[in-house]
C-alpha atoms as a PDB file:
ATOM      1  CA  MET A   1     113.216 113.034 116.405  1.00  0.00           C
ATOM      2  CA  GLU A   2     111.416 113.774 119.462  1.00  0.00           C
ATOM      3  CA  ALA A   3     109.076 115.817 117.836  1.00  0.00           C
ATOM      4  CA  ILE A   4     108.802 113.425 115.742  1.00  0.00           C
ATOM      5  CA  LEU A   5     107.678 110.843 118.107  1.00  0.00           C
ATOM      6  CA  ASP A   6     105.673 112.744 119.838  1.00  0.00           C
ATOM      7  CA  ARG A   7     102.881 114.108 116.993  1.00  0.00           C
ATOM      8  CA  VAL A   8     102.692 110.479 115.946  1.00  0.00           C
ATOM      9  CA  SER A   9     102.030 109.693 119.376  1.00  0.00           C
ATOM     10  CA  ASP A  10      99.461 112.289 119.678  1.00  0.00           C
ATOM     11  CA  GLY A  11      97.921 111.070 116.335  1.00  0.00           C
ATOM     12  CA  PHE A  12      97.197 107.451 117.435  1.00  0.00           C
ATOM     13  CA  THR A  13      93.741 107.176 119.427  1.00  0.00           C
ATOM     14  CA  ALA A  14      92.413 103.912 121.807  1.00  0.00           C
ATOM     15  CA  MET A  15      90.437 103.313 119.464  1.00  0.00           C
ATOM     16  CA  ASP A  16      93.166 103.595 116.319  1.00  0.00           C
ATOM     17  CA  TRP A  17      94.882 101.100 118.436  1.00  0.00           C
ATOM     18  CA  TRP A  18      91.922  98.381 118.658  1.00  0.00           C
ATOM     19  CA  LEU A  19      90.797  99.081 115.201  1.00  0.00           C
ATOM     20  CA  ILE A  20      94.682  97.789 114.129  1.00  0.00           C
ATOM     21  CA  LEU A  21      94.439  95.122 116.243  1.00  0.00           C
ATOM     22  CA  VAL A  22      91.144  93.732 114.580  1.00  0.00           C
ATOM     23  CA  TRP A  23      91.612  94.655 111.384  1.00  0.00           C
ATOM     24  CA  SER A  24      95.072  93.061 110.800  1.00  0.00           C
ATOM     25  CA  LEU A  25      93.979  89.883 112.787  1.00  0.00           C
ATOM     26  CA  PHE A  26      91.041  89.749 110.077  1.00  0.00           C
ATOM     27  CA  GLY A  27      93.394  90.630 107.404  1.00  0.00           C
ATOM     28  CA  ALA A  28      96.170  87.382 108.370  1.00  0.00           C
ATOM     29  CA  LEU A  29      93.138  84.995 108.764  1.00  0.00           C
ATOM     30  CA  ILE A  30      92.123  85.780 105.169  1.00  0.00           C
ATOM     31  CA  MET A  31      95.692  86.009 103.350  1.00  0.00           C
ATOM     32  CA  ARG A  32      96.721  82.589 101.965  1.00  0.00           C
ATOM     33  CA  ARG A  33     100.281  84.065 100.238  1.00  0.00           C
ATOM     34  CA  MET A  34     102.599  86.204 101.570  1.00  0.00           C
ATOM     35  CA  THR A  35     102.152  87.941  98.352  1.00  0.00           C
ATOM     36  CA  GLN A  36      98.581  89.418  98.800  1.00  0.00           C
ATOM     37  CA  LEU A  37     100.271  91.349 102.087  1.00  0.00           C
ATOM     38  CA  PRO A  38     100.013  95.125 100.038  1.00  0.00           C
ATOM     39  CA  VAL A  39      96.206  93.653  98.870  1.00  0.00           C
ATOM     40  CA  VAL A  40      94.834  93.144 102.182  1.00  0.00           C
ATOM     41  CA  VAL A  41      97.057  95.862 104.013  1.00  0.00           C
ATOM     42  CA  GLY A  42      94.863  98.484 101.415  1.00  0.00           C
ATOM     43  CA  LEU A  43      92.054  95.878 102.318  1.00  0.00           C
ATOM     44  CA  ALA A  44      92.485  96.999 105.976  1.00  0.00           C
ATOM     45  CA  PHE A  45      93.448 100.792 106.057  1.00  0.00           C
ATOM     46  CA  VAL A  46      90.102 100.883 104.232  1.00  0.00           C
ATOM     47  CA  ALA A  47      88.427  98.959 106.355  1.00  0.00           C
ATOM     48  CA  ASP A  48      90.369 101.134 108.872  1.00  0.00           C
ATOM     49  CA  THR A  49      88.792 104.373 107.871  1.00  0.00           C
ATOM     50  CA  VAL A  50      85.692 103.876 107.263  1.00  0.00           C
ATOM     51  CA  THR A  51      84.950 101.684 110.736  1.00  0.00           C
ATOM     52  CA  PRO A  52      84.345 104.834 112.910  1.00  0.00           C
ATOM     53  CA  PHE A  53      81.861 106.118 110.134  1.00  0.00           C
ATOM     54  CA  PHE A  54      79.321 103.000 110.702  1.00  0.00           C
ATOM     55  CA  TYR A  55      80.009 103.438 114.670  1.00  0.00           C
ATOM     56  CA  ARG A  56      78.897 106.732 114.558  1.00  0.00           C
ATOM     57  CA  LEU A  57      76.297 106.424 112.619  1.00  0.00           C
ATOM     58  CA  ALA A  58      74.977 103.617 115.049  1.00  0.00           C
ATOM     59  CA  THR A  59      75.585 105.756 117.740  1.00  0.00           C
ATOM     60  CA  GLY A  60      73.293 108.228 116.569  1.00  0.00           C
ATOM     61  CA  VAL A  61      75.563 110.692 114.854  1.00  0.00           C
ATOM     62  CA  PRO A  62      73.824 112.511 111.869  1.00  0.00           C
ATOM     63  CA  SER A  63      75.171 111.031 108.574  1.00  0.00           C
ATOM     64  CA  ASP A  64      77.102 113.994 107.240  1.00  0.00           C
ATOM     65  CA  PHE A  65      78.954 114.901 110.529  1.00  0.00           C
ATOM     66  CA  SER A  66      79.785 111.730 110.493  1.00  0.00           C
ATOM     67  CA  PHE A  67      81.187 111.665 107.335  1.00  0.00           C
ATOM     68  CA  ALA A  68      83.146 114.689 107.884  1.00  0.00           C
ATOM     69  CA  LEU A  69      84.764 113.498 111.015  1.00  0.00           C
ATOM     70  CA  MET A  70      86.058 110.338 109.181  1.00  0.00           C
ATOM     71  CA  LEU A  71      87.134 112.771 106.638  1.00  0.00           C
ATOM     72  CA  ASP A  72      88.841 114.730 109.587  1.00  0.00           C
ATOM     73  CA  ARG A  73      90.799 111.467 111.381  1.00  0.00           C
ATOM     74  CA  LEU A  74      92.518 111.622 107.883  1.00  0.00           C
ATOM     75  CA  ASP A  75      93.191 114.550 107.024  1.00  0.00           C
ATOM     76  CA  GLY A  76      93.830 116.408 110.944  1.00  0.00           C
ATOM     77  CA  ARG A  77      96.212 113.583 111.459  1.00  0.00           C
ATOM     78  CA  GLY A  78      99.042 114.141 109.144  1.00  0.00           C
ATOM     79  CA  GLY A  79     100.548 112.035 106.637  1.00  0.00           C
ATOM     80  CA  LEU A  80     103.034 111.261 109.059  1.00  0.00           C
ATOM     81  CA  VAL A  81     100.783 109.329 111.525  1.00  0.00           C
ATOM     82  CA  LEU A  82      98.836 107.877 107.964  1.00  0.00           C
ATOM     83  CA  LEU A  83     102.431 106.310 106.508  1.00  0.00           C
ATOM     84  CA  THR A  84     102.872 104.827 110.804  1.00  0.00           C
ATOM     85  CA  THR A  85      99.164 103.355 109.822  1.00  0.00           C
ATOM     86  CA  LEU A  86     100.294 102.106 106.831  1.00  0.00           C
ATOM     87  CA  PHE A  87     103.606 100.716 108.214  1.00  0.00           C
ATOM     88  CA  ILE A  88     102.001  99.232 111.345  1.00  0.00           C
ATOM     89  CA  TYR A  89      99.393  97.134 109.099  1.00  0.00           C
ATOM     90  CA  PHE A  90     102.196  95.764 106.991  1.00  0.00           C
ATOM     91  CA  LEU A  91     104.486  94.647 109.650  1.00  0.00           C
ATOM     92  CA  LEU A  92     101.314  93.245 112.037  1.00  0.00           C
ATOM     93  CA  ILE A  93     100.117  91.336 109.693  1.00  0.00           C
ATOM     94  CA  GLY A  94     103.066  90.112 107.976  1.00  0.00           C
ATOM     95  CA  ILE A  95     104.105  88.879 111.062  1.00  0.00           C
ATOM     96  CA  LEU A  96     100.694  87.393 111.922  1.00  0.00           C
ATOM     97  CA  PHE A  97     100.415  85.683 108.542  1.00  0.00           C
ATOM     98  CA  THR A  98     103.627  83.547 109.387  1.00  0.00           C
ATOM     99  CA  LEU A  99     102.986  83.036 113.283  1.00  0.00           C
ATOM    100  CA  LYS A 100      99.637  81.386 112.210  1.00  0.00           C
ATOM    101  CA  GLY A 101     101.341  79.309 109.045  1.00  0.00           C
ATOM    102  CA  ARG A 102     104.027  77.895 112.138  1.00  0.00           C
ATOM    103  CA  PHE A 103     100.815  77.523 114.650  1.00  0.00           C
ATOM    104  CA  ARG A 104      99.190  75.295 111.451  1.00  0.00           C
ATOM    105  CA  ARG A 105     101.962  72.999 111.012  1.00  0.00           C
END
């Protein structure tokens, strides 16, 4: 079990946590019904994948290298980290959407 937790914790950087937080907040704010959760999580995951490409492109990294780094972020981290990322998105967006509904009343 420790090996799995070590692998998952090594797969996330500070930028990953910021992207998860930002895209989760955005996803929870655009949701209207809880049935939209899978679609919003999918969109947040796609935005999470593409955002580092545009960040590196804006900071002067050539586009082919930025694209290679974006794909390496998906392939190099392993499936366990990607599944954990999707789980975190489902959990966080669901919680934030629920809180948004409670504070709206």
